Amino acid sequence: MRDFIARPEHGIVWISGAGSGVGRALALKLAGEGYKVAVTARSHEKLVELQTEASGLDGSIVVLDGDVTDAEDMEHVMASIEYEHGTLAMAILNAGIYLPVHAEDLHRADFEKSFAVNLSGVVNCLLPAIRHMKAKGQGQIAIVSSVTGYGGLPMGAAYGATKAALINMAESLKFDLDKMGIRIQLVSPGFIDTPATGKSALPMTALVSPEEAARQIAAGLKSQAFEITFPGRFTTMLKLARLLPYGAYFPLVNRLTGWRERPSSAGHHPATPHPAE
């Protein structure tokens, strides 16, 4: 028996973190394929601009403001979808932030905010979405993680920890969701070419555009694959690197990033959107 694949006739697609980056590009891509897409973000203005841009497409954009860190907000979003717009066929949980962390300048707030948005934010959307899909007997969920969740990287103590947790979460939930008729997928993108990539101290390898990322994700959502990851050669290299013993892994990452030769960070780094989000 093949897993459920959401089609436009099945109902609405919900995308969190759709105000910019891949979330925005994916909303336009799916609306262009005829889907009705409910978009969530904290910026109402950005969502309205997105809705306007999609006005000539085969599908449509529905603006539903909300902050993923507020569980009650996400319950309201789900209620609006269910009672005003129809069946939720697919949820793409994409919202995320990247806060670079340096051990010589640690701040509790970087960890707390990263966990609140990237991890708890997914849970806040996941619970009402699964409850709705369970009642309908079918649905599709995609959790957006990152290749930084495969293994520790410089500056990734907060961000990478949340993405590694999402990988484990998706893998663990699959066992039960399969039995409920709810299909879950994991999205693990590499680096996306956005303004945020210019703020990273890591070398940006194998960059793809938000539009190409959206194309890859949209194709993956229609496949039977559990994980959607790209670009293939780059992400495979990172997976293989993580299989190395630590005695080889850390020297390899240091060499590839040049991190050991970099001077220590002298100050705190502000929040930036992550290139993969």
C-alpha atoms as a PDB file:
ATOM      1  CA  MET A   1       0.000   0.000   0.000  1.00  0.00           C
ATOM      2  CA  ARG A   2       1.408   3.377  -1.046  1.00  0.00           C
ATOM      3  CA  ASP A   3       1.608   6.252   1.399  1.00  0.00           C
ATOM      4  CA  PHE A   4      -0.834   9.140   1.143  1.00  0.00           C
ATOM      5  CA  ILE A   5       0.293  11.971  -1.162  1.00  0.00           C
ATOM      6  CA  ALA A   6      -1.697  15.184  -0.833  1.00  0.00           C
ATOM      7  CA  ARG A   7      -3.196  16.559  -4.031  1.00  0.00           C
ATOM      8  CA  PRO A   8      -5.001  19.899  -4.509  1.00  0.00           C
ATOM      9  CA  GLU A   9      -8.376  18.141  -4.389  1.00  0.00           C
ATOM     10  CA  HIS A  10      -7.590  16.655  -0.971  1.00  0.00           C
ATOM     11  CA  GLY A  11      -7.606  19.983   0.848  1.00  0.00           C
ATOM     12  CA  ILE A  12      -5.373  22.756   2.138  1.00  0.00           C
ATOM     13  CA  VAL A  13      -1.604  22.929   2.560  1.00  0.00           C
ATOM     14  CA  TRP A  14      -0.388  24.785   5.664  1.00  0.00           C
ATOM     15  CA  ILE A  15       3.130  26.280   5.601  1.00  0.00           C
ATOM     16  CA  SER A  16       4.651  27.871   8.696  1.00  0.00           C
ATOM     17  CA  GLY A  17       7.462  30.387   8.330  1.00  0.00           C
ATOM     18  CA  ALA A  18       6.168  31.454   4.919  1.00  0.00           C
ATOM     19  CA  GLY A  19       7.074  35.128   5.178  1.00  0.00           C
ATOM     20  CA  SER A  20      10.460  34.751   3.495  1.00  0.00           C
ATOM     21  CA  GLY A  21      13.050  32.344   2.111  1.00  0.00           C
ATOM     22  CA  VAL A  22      12.149  28.786   1.239  1.00  0.00           C
ATOM     23  CA  GLY A  23       8.750  28.955   2.953  1.00  0.00           C
ATOM     24  CA  ARG A  24       7.707  31.845   0.740  1.00  0.00           C
ATOM     25  CA  ALA A  25       9.099  30.256  -2.439  1.00  0.00           C
ATOM     26  CA  LEU A  26       7.411  26.951  -1.627  1.00  0.00           C
ATOM     27  CA  ALA A  27       4.045  28.641  -1.024  1.00  0.00           C
ATOM     28  CA  LEU A  28       4.256  30.220  -4.495  1.00  0.00           C
ATOM     29  CA  LYS A  29       5.388  26.940  -6.057  1.00  0.00           C
ATOM     30  CA  LEU A  30       2.495  24.947  -4.605  1.00  0.00           C
ATOM     31  CA  ALA A  31      -0.055  27.671  -5.343  1.00  0.00           C
ATOM     32  CA  GLY A  32       1.200  27.585  -8.923  1.00  0.00           C
ATOM     33  CA  GLU A  33       0.429  23.861  -8.980  1.00  0.00           C
ATOM     34  CA  GLY A  34      -3.170  24.507  -7.971  1.00  0.00           C
ATOM     35  CA  TYR A  35      -2.988  24.038  -4.197  1.00  0.00           C
ATOM     36  CA  LYS A  36      -4.805  26.256  -1.729  1.00  0.00           C
ATOM     37  CA  VAL A  37      -2.031  27.249   0.680  1.00  0.00           C
ATOM     38  CA  ALA A  38      -2.537  28.651   4.176  1.00  0.00           C
ATOM     39  CA  VAL A  39       0.556  30.635   5.169  1.00  0.00           C
ATOM     40  CA  THR A  40       1.642  31.536   8.691  1.00  0.00           C
ATOM     41  CA  ALA A  41       4.259  33.992   9.910  1.00  0.00           C
ATOM     42  CA  ARG A  42       4.564  36.865  12.363  1.00  0.00           C
ATOM     43  CA  SER A  43       4.731  39.509   9.626  1.00  0.00           C
ATOM     44  CA  HIS A  44       1.244  40.226   8.298  1.00  0.00           C
ATOM     45  CA  GLU A  45       2.625  42.596   5.663  1.00  0.00           C
ATOM     46  CA  LYS A  46       4.898  39.954   4.142  1.00  0.00           C
ATOM     47  CA  LEU A  47       2.068  37.442   3.989  1.00  0.00           C
ATOM     48  CA  VAL A  48      -0.240  39.929   2.289  1.00  0.00           C
ATOM     49  CA  GLU A  49       2.480  40.672  -0.275  1.00  0.00           C
ATOM     50  CA  LEU A  50       2.800  36.928  -0.862  1.00  0.00           C
ATOM     51  CA  GLN A  51      -0.958  36.585  -1.285  1.00  0.00           C
ATOM     52  CA  THR A  52      -0.972  39.416  -3.836  1.00  0.00           C
ATOM     53  CA  GLU A  53       1.883  37.877  -5.799  1.00  0.00           C
ATOM     54  CA  ALA A  54      -0.017  34.583  -6.011  1.00  0.00           C
ATOM     55  CA  SER A  55      -3.231  36.179  -7.259  1.00  0.00           C
ATOM     56  CA  GLY A  56      -2.709  35.059 -10.863  1.00  0.00           C
ATOM     57  CA  LEU A  57      -1.785  31.468 -10.083  1.00  0.00           C
ATOM     58  CA  ASP A  58      -3.953  28.355 -10.434  1.00  0.00           C
ATOM     59  CA  GLY A  59      -4.154  27.958  -6.662  1.00  0.00           C
ATOM     60  CA  SER A  60      -4.458  30.541  -3.910  1.00  0.00           C
ATOM     61  CA  ILE A  61      -2.889  31.869  -0.713  1.00  0.00           C
ATOM     62  CA  VAL A  62      -4.789  32.214   2.569  1.00  0.00           C
ATOM     63  CA  VAL A  63      -3.169  34.509   5.160  1.00  0.00           C
ATOM     64  CA  LEU A  64      -3.322  33.232   8.748  1.00  0.00           C
ATOM     65  CA  ASP A  65      -1.125  35.304  11.062  1.00  0.00           C
ATOM     66  CA  GLY A  66       0.511  33.560  13.978  1.00  0.00           C
ATOM     67  CA  ASP A  67       3.642  33.051  16.041  1.00  0.00           C
ATOM     68  CA  VAL A  68       4.763  29.413  16.157  1.00  0.00           C
ATOM     69  CA  THR A  69       6.170  29.920  19.668  1.00  0.00           C
ATOM     70  CA  ASP A  70       2.613  30.542  20.903  1.00  0.00           C
ATOM     71  CA  ALA A  71       0.758  27.224  21.147  1.00  0.00           C
ATOM     72  CA  GLU A  72      -2.601  28.977  21.423  1.00  0.00           C
ATOM     73  CA  ASP A  73      -1.885  30.897  18.212  1.00  0.00           C
ATOM     74  CA  MET A  74      -1.283  27.644  16.360  1.00  0.00           C
ATOM     75  CA  GLU A  75      -4.482  26.133  17.768  1.00  0.00           C
ATOM     76  CA  HIS A  76      -6.331  29.163  16.391  1.00  0.00           C
ATOM     77  CA  VAL A  77      -4.661  28.756  12.993  1.00  0.00           C
ATOM     78  CA  MET A  78      -5.706  25.103  12.865  1.00  0.00           C
ATOM     79  CA  ALA A  79      -9.260  25.982  13.934  1.00  0.00           C
ATOM     80  CA  SER A  80      -9.444  28.612  11.187  1.00  0.00           C
ATOM     81  CA  ILE A  81      -8.294  26.094   8.589  1.00  0.00           C
ATOM     82  CA  GLU A  82     -10.734  23.457   9.807  1.00  0.00           C
ATOM     83  CA  TYR A  83     -13.855  25.597  10.215  1.00  0.00           C
ATOM     84  CA  GLU A  84     -13.357  28.300   7.574  1.00  0.00           C
ATOM     85  CA  HIS A  85     -11.280  26.791   4.791  1.00  0.00           C
ATOM     86  CA  GLY A  86     -11.696  23.011   4.781  1.00  0.00           C
ATOM     87  CA  THR A  87      -9.639  19.879   5.312  1.00  0.00           C
ATOM     88  CA  LEU A  88      -5.949  20.123   6.125  1.00  0.00           C
ATOM     89  CA  ALA A  89      -4.268  17.770   3.667  1.00  0.00           C
ATOM     90  CA  MET A  90      -0.634  18.714   4.282  1.00  0.00           C
ATOM     91  CA  ALA A  91       1.372  20.622   6.901  1.00  0.00           C
ATOM     92  CA  ILE A  92       4.878  21.853   6.085  1.00  0.00           C
ATOM     93  CA  LEU A  93       6.506  22.925   9.338  1.00  0.00           C
ATOM     94  CA  ASN A  94       9.226  25.245   8.135  1.00  0.00           C
ATOM     95  CA  ALA A  95       9.579  28.167  10.580  1.00  0.00           C
ATOM     96  CA  GLY A  96      13.061  28.523  11.994  1.00  0.00           C
ATOM     97  CA  ILE A  97      15.814  30.922  13.038  1.00  0.00           C
ATOM     98  CA  TYR A  98      19.593  30.679  13.130  1.00  0.00           C
ATOM     99  CA  LEU A  99      21.504  32.168  16.044  1.00  0.00           C
ATOM    100  CA  PRO A 100      25.262  31.567  15.750  1.00  0.00           C
ATOM    101  CA  VAL A 101      26.790  30.378  19.016  1.00  0.00           C
ATOM    102  CA  HIS A 102      30.414  30.857  20.081  1.00  0.00           C
ATOM    103  CA  ALA A 103      31.685  29.143  23.229  1.00  0.00           C
ATOM    104  CA  GLU A 104      33.732  32.187  24.200  1.00  0.00           C
ATOM    105  CA  ASP A 105      30.580  34.349  24.200  1.00  0.00           C
ATOM    106  CA  LEU A 106      27.668  32.158  25.283  1.00  0.00           C
ATOM    107  CA  HIS A 107      24.201  33.590  25.884  1.00  0.00           C
ATOM    108  CA  ARG A 108      21.321  31.608  27.378  1.00  0.00           C
ATOM    109  CA  ALA A 109      18.862  33.556  25.221  1.00  0.00           C
ATOM    110  CA  ASP A 110      20.372  32.138  22.025  1.00  0.00           C
ATOM    111  CA  PHE A 111      19.566  28.613  23.157  1.00  0.00           C
ATOM    112  CA  GLU A 112      16.156  29.428  24.579  1.00  0.00           C
ATOM    113  CA  LYS A 113      14.979  31.296  21.479  1.00  0.00           C
ATOM    114  CA  SER A 114      16.367  28.639  19.134  1.00  0.00           C
ATOM    115  CA  PHE A 115      14.573  25.896  21.053  1.00  0.00           C
ATOM    116  CA  ALA A 116      11.357  27.938  21.244  1.00  0.00           C
ATOM    117  CA  VAL A 117      11.139  28.596  17.494  1.00  0.00           C
ATOM    118  CA  ASN A 118      12.843  25.632  15.859  1.00  0.00           C
ATOM    119  CA  LEU A 119      11.743  22.854  18.183  1.00  0.00           C
ATOM    120  CA  SER A 120       8.761  23.892  20.307  1.00  0.00           C
ATOM    121  CA  GLY A 121       7.441  25.839  17.311  1.00  0.00           C
ATOM    122  CA  VAL A 122       7.226  22.599  15.352  1.00  0.00           C
ATOM    123  CA  VAL A 123       5.516  20.811  18.241  1.00  0.00           C
ATOM    124  CA  ASN A 124       2.978  23.651  18.566  1.00  0.00           C
ATOM    125  CA  CYS A 125       1.956  23.129  14.926  1.00  0.00           C
ATOM    126  CA  LEU A 126       2.337  19.369  14.934  1.00  0.00           C
ATOM    127  CA  LEU A 127      -0.132  18.613  17.716  1.00  0.00           C
ATOM    128  CA  PRO A 128      -3.216  20.304  16.229  1.00  0.00           C
ATOM    129  CA  ALA A 129      -2.296  19.129  12.720  1.00  0.00           C
ATOM    130  CA  ILE A 130      -2.050  15.477  13.773  1.00  0.00           C
ATOM    131  CA  ARG A 131      -5.256  15.731  15.777  1.00  0.00           C
ATOM    132  CA  HIS A 132      -7.098  17.014  12.686  1.00  0.00           C
ATOM    133  CA  MET A 133      -5.544  14.439  10.346  1.00  0.00           C
ATOM    134  CA  LYS A 134      -6.226  11.598  12.762  1.00  0.00           C
ATOM    135  CA  ALA A 135      -9.932  12.485  12.709  1.00  0.00           C
ATOM    136  CA  LYS A 136      -9.871  12.500   8.887  1.00  0.00           C
ATOM    137  CA  GLY A 137      -7.913   9.271   8.634  1.00  0.00           C
ATOM    138  CA  GLN A 138      -5.213  10.679   6.369  1.00  0.00           C
ATOM    139  CA  GLY A 139      -2.737  13.518   5.937  1.00  0.00           C
ATOM    140  CA  GLN A 140       0.815  14.454   5.076  1.00  0.00           C
ATOM    141  CA  ILE A 141       3.356  16.255   7.262  1.00  0.00           C
ATOM    142  CA  ALA A 142       6.799  17.561   6.320  1.00  0.00           C
ATOM    143  CA  ILE A 143       9.189  18.708   9.043  1.00  0.00           C
ATOM    144  CA  VAL A 144      11.967  21.000   7.828  1.00  0.00           C
ATOM    145  CA  SER A 145      15.241  20.169   9.528  1.00  0.00           C
ATOM    146  CA  SER A 146      18.705  20.841   8.074  1.00  0.00           C
ATOM    147  CA  VAL A 147      21.903  19.047   7.157  1.00  0.00           C
ATOM    148  CA  THR A 148      23.385  20.789  10.215  1.00  0.00           C
ATOM    149  CA  GLY A 149      21.415  18.237  12.221  1.00  0.00           C
ATOM    150  CA  TYR A 150      23.601  15.422  10.873  1.00  0.00           C
ATOM    151  CA  GLY A 151      26.585  16.379  13.047  1.00  0.00           C
ATOM    152  CA  GLY A 152      28.104  19.193  15.075  1.00  0.00           C
ATOM    153  CA  LEU A 153      29.428  22.183  13.111  1.00  0.00           C
ATOM    154  CA  PRO A 154      31.080  25.426  14.233  1.00  0.00           C
ATOM    155  CA  MET A 155      28.548  27.969  15.573  1.00  0.00           C
ATOM    156  CA  GLY A 156      25.773  25.360  15.504  1.00  0.00           C
ATOM    157  CA  ALA A 157      25.457  24.441  19.194  1.00  0.00           C
ATOM    158  CA  ALA A 158      21.930  25.875  19.392  1.00  0.00           C
ATOM    159  CA  TYR A 159      20.661  25.643  15.812  1.00  0.00           C
ATOM    160  CA  GLY A 160      22.177  22.231  15.071  1.00  0.00           C
ATOM    161  CA  ALA A 161      20.836  20.823  18.334  1.00  0.00           C
ATOM    162  CA  THR A 162      17.274  21.763  17.359  1.00  0.00           C
ATOM    163  CA  LYS A 163      17.645  20.317  13.871  1.00  0.00           C
ATOM    164  CA  ALA A 164      19.122  17.074  15.174  1.00  0.00           C
ATOM    165  CA  ALA A 165      16.139  16.834  17.525  1.00  0.00           C
ATOM    166  CA  LEU A 166      13.736  17.330  14.610  1.00  0.00           C
ATOM    167  CA  ILE A 167      15.404  14.509  12.691  1.00  0.00           C
ATOM    168  CA  ASN A 168      14.936  12.169  15.644  1.00  0.00           C
ATOM    169  CA  MET A 169      11.383  13.428  16.172  1.00  0.00           C
ATOM    170  CA  ALA A 170      10.346  12.727  12.580  1.00  0.00           C
ATOM    171  CA  GLU A 171      11.965   9.290  12.614  1.00  0.00           C
ATOM    172  CA  SER A 172      10.288   8.356  15.888  1.00  0.00           C
ATOM    173  CA  LEU A 173       6.829   9.617  14.933  1.00  0.00           C
ATOM    174  CA  LYS A 174       6.874   7.721  11.647  1.00  0.00           C
ATOM    175  CA  PHE A 175       6.321   4.379  13.357  1.00  0.00           C
ATOM    176  CA  ASP A 176       2.954   5.439  14.808  1.00  0.00           C
ATOM    177  CA  LEU A 177       1.836   7.853  12.088  1.00  0.00           C
ATOM    178  CA  ASP A 178       2.225   5.126   9.454  1.00  0.00           C
ATOM    179  CA  LYS A 179      -0.412   3.100  11.283  1.00  0.00           C
ATOM    180  CA  MET A 180      -2.727   6.139  11.414  1.00  0.00           C
ATOM    181  CA  GLY A 181      -2.628   6.828   7.681  1.00  0.00           C
ATOM    182  CA  ILE A 182      -0.611  10.009   8.212  1.00  0.00           C
ATOM    183  CA  ARG A 183       2.520  10.304   6.118  1.00  0.00           C
ATOM    184  CA  ILE A 184       5.495  12.117   7.632  1.00  0.00           C
ATOM    185  CA  GLN A 185       8.579  13.309   5.759  1.00  0.00           C
ATOM    186  CA  LEU A 186      11.825  14.940   6.765  1.00  0.00           C
ATOM    187  CA  VAL A 187      13.245  17.848   4.747  1.00  0.00           C
ATOM    188  CA  SER A 188      17.016  18.287   5.153  1.00  0.00           C
ATOM    189  CA  PRO A 189      18.242  21.088   2.886  1.00  0.00           C
ATOM    190  CA  GLY A 190      21.806  22.245   2.486  1.00  0.00           C
ATOM    191  CA  PHE A 191      22.695  25.916   2.238  1.00  0.00           C
ATOM    192  CA  ILE A 192      20.208  28.182   0.485  1.00  0.00           C
ATOM    193  CA  ASP A 193      21.363  31.336  -1.317  1.00  0.00           C
ATOM    194  CA  THR A 194      19.672  34.083   0.699  1.00  0.00           C
ATOM    195  CA  PRO A 195      20.979  37.326   2.276  1.00  0.00           C
ATOM    196  CA  ALA A 196      21.467  35.369   5.504  1.00  0.00           C
ATOM    197  CA  THR A 197      24.174  33.208   3.928  1.00  0.00           C
ATOM    198  CA  GLY A 198      26.371  36.280   3.668  1.00  0.00           C
ATOM    199  CA  LYS A 199      26.260  36.655   7.455  1.00  0.00           C
ATOM    200  CA  SER A 200      27.603  33.171   8.128  1.00  0.00           C
ATOM    201  CA  ALA A 201      31.276  32.666   8.914  1.00  0.00           C
ATOM    202  CA  LEU A 202      31.158  29.165   7.413  1.00  0.00           C
ATOM    203  CA  PRO A 203      32.087  28.650   3.758  1.00  0.00           C
ATOM    204  CA  MET A 204      28.861  28.384   1.764  1.00  0.00           C
ATOM    205  CA  THR A 205      29.227  25.220  -0.320  1.00  0.00           C
ATOM    206  CA  ALA A 206      26.834  24.024  -3.038  1.00  0.00           C
ATOM    207  CA  LEU A 207      24.413  26.947  -2.661  1.00  0.00           C
ATOM    208  CA  VAL A 208      20.949  26.620  -4.204  1.00  0.00           C
ATOM    209  CA  SER A 209      18.372  29.355  -4.700  1.00  0.00           C
ATOM    210  CA  PRO A 210      15.121  29.459  -2.674  1.00  0.00           C
ATOM    211  CA  GLU A 211      13.242  28.745  -5.891  1.00  0.00           C
ATOM    212  CA  GLU A 212      15.350  25.668  -6.634  1.00  0.00           C
ATOM    213  CA  ALA A 213      14.923  24.536  -3.034  1.00  0.00           C
ATOM    214  CA  ALA A 214      11.155  24.935  -3.386  1.00  0.00           C
ATOM    215  CA  ARG A 215      11.232  22.906  -6.604  1.00  0.00           C
ATOM    216  CA  GLN A 216      13.186  20.117  -4.915  1.00  0.00           C
ATOM    217  CA  ILE A 217      10.874  20.053  -1.897  1.00  0.00           C
ATOM    218  CA  ALA A 218       7.706  20.133  -4.011  1.00  0.00           C
ATOM    219  CA  ALA A 219       8.973  17.177  -6.041  1.00  0.00           C
ATOM    220  CA  GLY A 220       9.943  15.298  -2.903  1.00  0.00           C
ATOM    221  CA  LEU A 221       6.514  15.808  -1.370  1.00  0.00           C
ATOM    222  CA  LYS A 222       5.055  13.870  -4.301  1.00  0.00           C
ATOM    223  CA  SER A 223       7.549  11.024  -3.963  1.00  0.00           C
ATOM    224  CA  GLN A 224       7.530   8.030  -1.630  1.00  0.00           C
ATOM    225  CA  ALA A 225      10.810   9.100   0.005  1.00  0.00           C
ATOM    226  CA  PHE A 226      10.945   9.668   3.767  1.00  0.00           C
ATOM    227  CA  GLU A 227      13.766  12.216   3.527  1.00  0.00           C
ATOM    228  CA  ILE A 228      13.949  15.077   1.040  1.00  0.00           C
ATOM    229  CA  THR A 229      17.544  16.291   0.964  1.00  0.00           C
ATOM    230  CA  PHE A 230      19.537  18.377  -1.502  1.00  0.00           C
ATOM    231  CA  PRO A 231      21.901  19.069  -3.135  1.00  0.00           C
ATOM    232  CA  GLY A 232      22.547  15.343  -3.265  1.00  0.00           C
ATOM    233  CA  ARG A 233      26.327  15.172  -3.454  1.00  0.00           C
ATOM    234  CA  PHE A 234      26.816  17.727  -0.673  1.00  0.00           C
ATOM    235  CA  THR A 235      24.328  16.178   1.732  1.00  0.00           C
ATOM    236  CA  THR A 236      25.652  12.673   1.066  1.00  0.00           C
ATOM    237  CA  MET A 237      29.151  13.899   1.884  1.00  0.00           C
ATOM    238  CA  LEU A 238      27.942  15.283   5.225  1.00  0.00           C
ATOM    239  CA  LYS A 239      26.149  12.031   6.059  1.00  0.00           C
ATOM    240  CA  LEU A 240      29.241   9.992   5.287  1.00  0.00           C
ATOM    241  CA  ALA A 241      31.426  12.368   7.309  1.00  0.00           C
ATOM    242  CA  ARG A 242      29.237  11.750  10.355  1.00  0.00           C
ATOM    243  CA  LEU A 243      29.957   8.027  10.130  1.00  0.00           C
ATOM    244  CA  LEU A 244      33.633   8.705  10.757  1.00  0.00           C
ATOM    245  CA  PRO A 245      35.085   8.180  14.240  1.00  0.00           C
ATOM    246  CA  TYR A 246      35.396  11.431  16.203  1.00  0.00           C
ATOM    247  CA  GLY A 247      39.170  11.286  15.812  1.00  0.00           C
ATOM    248  CA  ALA A 248      38.661  11.784  12.071  1.00  0.00           C
ATOM    249  CA  TYR A 249      35.429  13.823  12.087  1.00  0.00           C
ATOM    250  CA  PHE A 250      36.675  16.860  14.027  1.00  0.00           C
ATOM    251  CA  PRO A 251      39.935  17.289  12.050  1.00  0.00           C
ATOM    252  CA  LEU A 252      37.972  16.942   8.796  1.00  0.00           C
ATOM    253  CA  VAL A 253      35.434  19.649   9.740  1.00  0.00           C
ATOM    254  CA  ASN A 254      38.226  21.909  10.978  1.00  0.00           C
ATOM    255  CA  ARG A 255      40.061  21.492   7.684  1.00  0.00           C
ATOM    256  CA  LEU A 256      37.012  22.010   5.478  1.00  0.00           C
ATOM    257  CA  THR A 257      35.850  25.106   7.375  1.00  0.00           C
ATOM    258  CA  GLY A 258      39.247  26.464   8.334  1.00  0.00           C
ATOM    259  CA  TRP A 259      37.804  26.926  11.796  1.00  0.00           C
ATOM    260  CA  ARG A 260      40.942  26.173  13.821  1.00  0.00           C
ATOM    261  CA  GLU A 261      42.790  28.986  12.082  1.00  0.00           C
ATOM    262  CA  ARG A 262      40.042  31.557  12.672  1.00  0.00           C
ATOM    263  CA  PRO A 263      40.435  34.080  15.496  1.00  0.00           C
ATOM    264  CA  SER A 264      38.125  33.721  18.487  1.00  0.00           C
ATOM    265  CA  SER A 265      34.860  35.659  18.345  1.00  0.00           C
ATOM    266  CA  ALA A 266      35.075  38.967  20.174  1.00  0.00           C
ATOM    267  CA  GLY A 267      31.375  39.777  20.424  1.00  0.00           C
ATOM    268  CA  HIS A 268      27.817  38.510  20.392  1.00  0.00           C
ATOM    269  CA  HIS A 269      26.212  37.710  17.061  1.00  0.00           C
ATOM    270  CA  PRO A 270      22.641  38.927  16.403  1.00  0.00           C
ATOM    271  CA  ALA A 271      19.812  36.728  15.200  1.00  0.00           C
ATOM    272  CA  THR A 272      19.619  36.053  11.483  1.00  0.00           C
ATOM    273  CA  PRO A 273      17.302  33.862   9.448  1.00  0.00           C
ATOM    274  CA  HIS A 274      19.037  30.596   8.678  1.00  0.00           C
ATOM    275  CA  PRO A 275      20.014  30.114   5.014  1.00  0.00           C
ATOM    276  CA  ALA A 276      18.064  26.862   4.865  1.00  0.00           C
ATOM    277  CA  GLU A 277      14.856  28.426   6.189  1.00  0.00           C
END
